[in-house]
Amino acid sequence: MSLFGESAATFLLRLAVFALGLLCLEFLYLGLEFKGLNSAEAMDMAQEARRFAAGQPFQTDNIHPLGIWLLKEKGKDALLENHPDMVNPPLYPALLGAWLKIWSPRYDMAPVEKEYRVFDGDLAAGVLGTLGFLAGLLLLYVWVAQMADPKVGTVVFALCAFSNLLWQWAISGTAWGLLFLLTVALGYLVFLRLRSPGAGGWFLAMAIGAVIGLGFLTRYAYALFL
């Protein structure tokens, strides 16, 4: 069976090797470069995700004056505790909250035995971001290999996989890894739709709409793709 100009076995073997290599890069990069969350956006989403994991979904400790005003305008109490989040899109904090339930990080601060210690909850956020990035890279390879050929796909894959800037964004603890995966998925689905307009047209159209919807729930600016 031929797949993208080569046998299916060869293509799947190449994909498996790439996946294994990416996992090795992930462990290496997290071990050498990850020093915890270092941006206000990442910390804000992490505290909301922690509350989500604790059974308090879509509530925040980061209270904005505009949020208090909106609650008062609606005739509701401007709660300083259990304050509803009205700033962050809901998908990534919910996904990170579910991930924290699986990860079960320790929130107690043990005595520092070494010169530097990464907080366990921060590491969970960094790992989730890299998983989205790795999945996006594999899908990017499939897309380019199908659009051009496997050799071009390998070059594009290598350029992205060894990009320090992309890895820095992946471990940032923000929604960047998820957005990378969704954007690559959107591009690939549009490519399939344009290449074969009559093949699976409605299914591809619904899949494209679903990806755009998920992107909007991750970053409101994703509505520009509509």
Protein backbone atom coordinates (compact mmCIF):
# COMPACT_ATOMS: atom_id res chain seq x y z
CA MET A 1 0.00 0.00 0.00
CA SER A 2 1.42 3.38 -1.03
CA LEU A 3 1.10 6.34 1.30
CA PHE A 4 2.39 9.80 0.32
CA GLY A 5 4.75 8.35 -2.30
CA GLU A 6 6.18 5.57 -0.11
CA SER A 7 4.94 2.37 1.48
CA ALA A 8 2.59 2.68 4.45
CA ALA A 9 5.01 0.70 6.63
CA THR A 10 7.89 3.08 5.81
CA PHE A 11 5.78 6.15 6.49
CA LEU A 12 4.45 4.83 9.81
CA LEU A 13 7.94 3.78 10.88
CA ARG A 14 9.24 7.26 10.08
CA LEU A 15 6.39 8.79 12.07
CA ALA A 16 7.12 6.51 15.05
CA VAL A 17 10.82 7.46 14.97
CA PHE A 18 9.90 11.14 14.87
CA ALA A 19 7.52 10.69 17.83
CA LEU A 20 10.21 8.93 19.86
CA GLY A 21 12.74 11.62 19.00
CA LEU A 22 10.30 14.33 20.04
CA LEU A 23 9.71 12.67 23.40
CA CYS A 24 13.47 12.58 23.99
CA LEU A 25 13.70 16.27 23.05
CA GLU A 26 10.82 17.04 25.40
CA PHE A 27 12.49 15.39 28.40
CA LEU A 28 15.80 17.05 27.54
CA TYR A 29 14.34 20.51 27.08
CA LEU A 30 12.15 20.36 30.17
CA GLY A 31 15.10 19.16 32.24
CA LEU A 32 17.52 21.80 30.99
CA GLU A 33 15.39 24.86 30.24
CA PHE A 34 12.17 24.73 32.27
CA LYS A 35 12.41 26.96 35.36
CA GLY A 36 8.72 27.34 36.15
CA LEU A 37 6.02 29.70 34.94
CA ASN A 38 7.41 33.14 34.24
CA SER A 39 4.55 35.13 32.69
CA ALA A 40 1.44 36.71 34.18
CA GLU A 41 -0.78 34.99 31.59
CA ALA A 42 0.56 31.53 32.45
CA MET A 43 0.19 32.11 36.19
CA ASP A 44 -3.34 33.45 35.77
CA MET A 45 -4.45 30.40 33.77
CA ALA A 46 -2.68 28.06 36.19
CA GLN A 47 -4.50 29.42 39.25
CA GLU A 48 -7.82 29.15 37.42
CA ALA A 49 -6.97 25.58 36.37
CA ARG A 50 -6.08 24.73 39.97
CA ARG A 51 -9.51 25.93 41.10
CA PHE A 52 -11.07 23.92 38.27
CA ALA A 53 -9.28 20.81 39.51
CA ALA A 54 -10.54 21.56 43.04
CA GLY A 55 -14.17 21.60 41.87
CA GLN A 56 -14.51 25.37 41.42
CA PRO A 57 -14.70 25.69 37.61
CA PHE A 58 -14.25 29.03 35.83
CA GLN A 59 -13.57 30.96 39.03
CA THR A 60 -10.54 33.12 39.59
CA ASP A 61 -8.48 34.80 42.28
CA ASN A 62 -7.34 37.43 39.75
CA ILE A 63 -10.10 40.01 40.07
CA HIS A 64 -10.37 42.88 37.58
CA PRO A 65 -12.23 46.14 38.31
CA LEU A 66 -14.21 45.66 35.08
CA GLY A 67 -15.43 42.30 36.36
CA ILE A 68 -16.71 43.88 39.58
CA TRP A 69 -18.48 46.59 37.56
CA LEU A 70 -20.12 44.03 35.25
CA LEU A 71 -21.43 42.02 38.20
CA LYS A 72 -22.88 45.16 39.78
CA GLU A 73 -24.47 46.13 36.46
CA LYS A 74 -26.24 42.76 36.40
CA GLY A 75 -27.50 43.32 39.94
CA LYS A 76 -25.26 40.63 41.41
CA ASP A 77 -22.90 40.74 44.37
CA ALA A 78 -19.36 41.68 43.44
CA LEU A 79 -17.84 38.61 45.05
CA LEU A 80 -14.20 38.74 45.98
CA GLU A 81 -14.27 35.01 46.62
CA ASN A 82 -15.53 32.55 44.01
CA HIS A 83 -15.30 35.38 41.50
CA PRO A 84 -16.31 34.25 37.97
CA ASP A 85 -13.58 34.56 35.37
CA MET A 86 -14.60 36.95 32.59
CA VAL A 87 -11.22 37.44 30.93
CA ASN A 88 -9.70 34.11 29.91
CA PRO A 89 -11.24 31.89 27.23
CA PRO A 90 -12.49 28.74 28.98
CA LEU A 91 -11.01 25.82 27.03
CA TYR A 92 -7.35 25.87 28.10
CA PRO A 93 -7.96 26.42 31.85
CA ALA A 94 -10.51 23.56 31.76
CA LEU A 95 -8.08 21.30 29.90
CA LEU A 96 -5.24 22.19 32.27
CA GLY A 97 -7.54 21.64 35.25
CA ALA A 98 -8.39 18.14 34.01
CA TRP A 99 -4.67 17.52 33.45
CA LEU A 100 -3.93 18.60 37.03
CA LYS A 101 -6.51 16.11 38.28
CA ILE A 102 -4.54 13.38 36.49
CA TRP A 103 -1.12 14.75 37.45
CA SER A 104 -2.09 15.36 41.11
CA PRO A 105 0.74 17.82 41.85
CA ARG A 106 1.90 18.59 45.36
CA TYR A 107 1.01 22.12 46.41
CA ASP A 108 2.92 22.13 49.69
CA MET A 109 6.30 23.81 49.52
CA ALA A 110 8.86 21.34 50.84
CA PRO A 111 12.25 22.59 52.05
CA VAL A 112 14.53 23.37 49.14
CA GLU A 113 17.24 20.73 49.11
CA LYS A 114 18.95 21.91 45.95
CA GLU A 115 19.87 25.28 44.54
CA TYR A 116 16.67 25.42 42.49
CA ARG A 117 13.43 23.44 42.63
CA VAL A 118 10.64 23.54 40.02
CA PHE A 119 7.12 23.68 41.46
CA ASP A 120 5.26 20.48 40.56
CA GLY A 121 2.14 22.30 39.34
CA ASP A 122 4.25 24.48 37.04
CA LEU A 123 5.89 21.39 35.58
CA ALA A 124 2.46 19.89 34.83
CA ALA A 125 1.54 23.01 32.83
CA GLY A 126 4.86 22.88 30.96
CA VAL A 127 4.41 19.21 30.06
CA LEU A 128 0.87 19.81 28.78
CA GLY A 129 2.09 22.61 26.54
CA THR A 130 4.84 20.46 25.07
CA LEU A 131 2.41 17.60 24.39
CA GLY A 132 0.26 19.92 22.30
CA PHE A 133 3.36 21.15 20.48
CA LEU A 134 4.58 17.60 19.78
CA ALA A 135 1.19 16.50 18.45
CA GLY A 136 1.12 19.58 16.23
CA LEU A 137 4.60 18.81 14.88
CA LEU A 138 3.62 15.25 13.92
CA LEU A 139 0.47 16.49 12.21
CA LEU A 140 2.52 19.18 10.44
CA TYR A 141 4.80 16.47 9.04
CA VAL A 142 1.79 14.47 7.78
CA TRP A 143 0.38 17.62 6.15
CA VAL A 144 3.59 18.64 4.37
CA ALA A 145 4.40 15.06 3.36
CA GLN A 146 0.98 14.79 1.75
CA MET A 147 1.13 18.24 0.15
CA ALA A 148 4.70 17.89 -1.18
CA ASP A 149 6.63 14.72 -0.34
CA PRO A 150 8.08 13.01 2.78
CA LYS A 151 11.54 14.55 2.27
CA VAL A 152 10.14 18.08 2.36
CA GLY A 153 8.04 17.08 5.35
CA THR A 154 11.16 15.85 7.13
CA VAL A 155 12.95 19.17 6.51
CA VAL A 156 10.01 21.22 7.80
CA PHE A 157 9.64 18.91 10.78
CA ALA A 158 13.34 19.22 11.67
CA LEU A 159 13.33 23.02 11.35
CA CYS A 160 10.42 23.28 13.79
CA ALA A 161 11.58 20.51 16.14
CA PHE A 162 14.97 22.17 16.66
CA SER A 163 13.66 25.72 16.99
CA ASN A 164 14.55 27.11 20.41
CA LEU A 165 11.90 29.83 20.09
CA LEU A 166 9.09 27.32 19.50
CA TRP A 167 10.21 25.22 22.46
CA GLN A 168 10.30 28.29 24.69
CA TRP A 169 6.69 29.01 23.77
CA ALA A 170 5.75 25.34 24.24
CA ILE A 171 7.01 25.22 27.84
CA SER A 172 5.64 28.66 28.73
CA GLY A 173 2.55 27.24 30.45
CA THR A 174 0.20 29.27 28.25
CA ALA A 175 -2.28 27.97 25.67
CA TRP A 176 0.35 28.25 22.91
CA GLY A 177 0.87 24.48 22.52
CA LEU A 178 -2.87 23.89 22.13
CA LEU A 179 -3.17 26.78 19.67
CA PHE A 180 -0.27 25.40 17.63
CA LEU A 181 -2.00 22.02 17.36
CA LEU A 182 -5.36 23.58 16.46
CA THR A 183 -3.82 25.88 13.84
CA VAL A 184 -1.95 23.03 12.15
CA ALA A 185 -5.11 20.91 12.25
CA LEU A 186 -7.09 23.76 10.69
CA GLY A 187 -4.55 24.20 7.90
CA TYR A 188 -4.48 20.48 7.18
CA LEU A 189 -8.28 20.21 7.04
CA VAL A 190 -8.52 23.19 4.70
CA PHE A 191 -5.86 21.59 2.48
CA LEU A 192 -7.85 18.34 2.33
CA ARG A 193 -11.04 20.26 1.54
CA LEU A 194 -9.42 22.22 -1.30
CA ARG A 195 -7.61 19.22 -2.73
CA SER A 196 -10.71 17.03 -3.00
CA PRO A 197 -13.84 19.25 -2.90
CA GLY A 198 -16.19 16.34 -3.52
CA ALA A 199 -14.65 13.85 -1.07
CA GLY A 200 -16.12 14.10 2.42
CA GLY A 201 -17.13 17.71 1.83
CA TRP A 202 -19.68 18.07 4.62
CA PHE A 203 -17.57 16.13 7.10
CA LEU A 204 -14.49 18.27 6.41
CA ALA A 205 -16.56 21.46 6.58
CA MET A 206 -17.94 20.46 9.99
CA ALA A 207 -14.45 19.48 11.18
CA ILE A 208 -13.09 22.87 10.08
CA GLY A 209 -15.92 24.62 11.93
CA ALA A 210 -15.28 22.54 15.05
CA VAL A 211 -11.56 23.38 15.05
CA ILE A 212 -12.30 27.09 14.62
CA GLY A 213 -14.78 26.85 17.50
CA LEU A 214 -12.19 25.17 19.73
CA GLY A 215 -9.67 27.82 18.71
CA PHE A 216 -12.13 30.58 19.65
CA LEU A 217 -12.63 28.97 23.06
CA THR A 218 -8.84 29.01 23.46
CA ARG A 219 -8.11 32.49 22.09
CA TYR A 220 -10.91 34.88 21.20
CA ALA A 221 -8.88 36.32 18.31
CA TYR A 222 -9.41 32.98 16.55
CA ALA A 223 -12.77 34.39 15.43
CA LEU A 224 -10.80 36.19 12.70
CA PHE A 225 -10.67 32.86 10.83
CA LEU A 226 -14.45 32.98 10.32
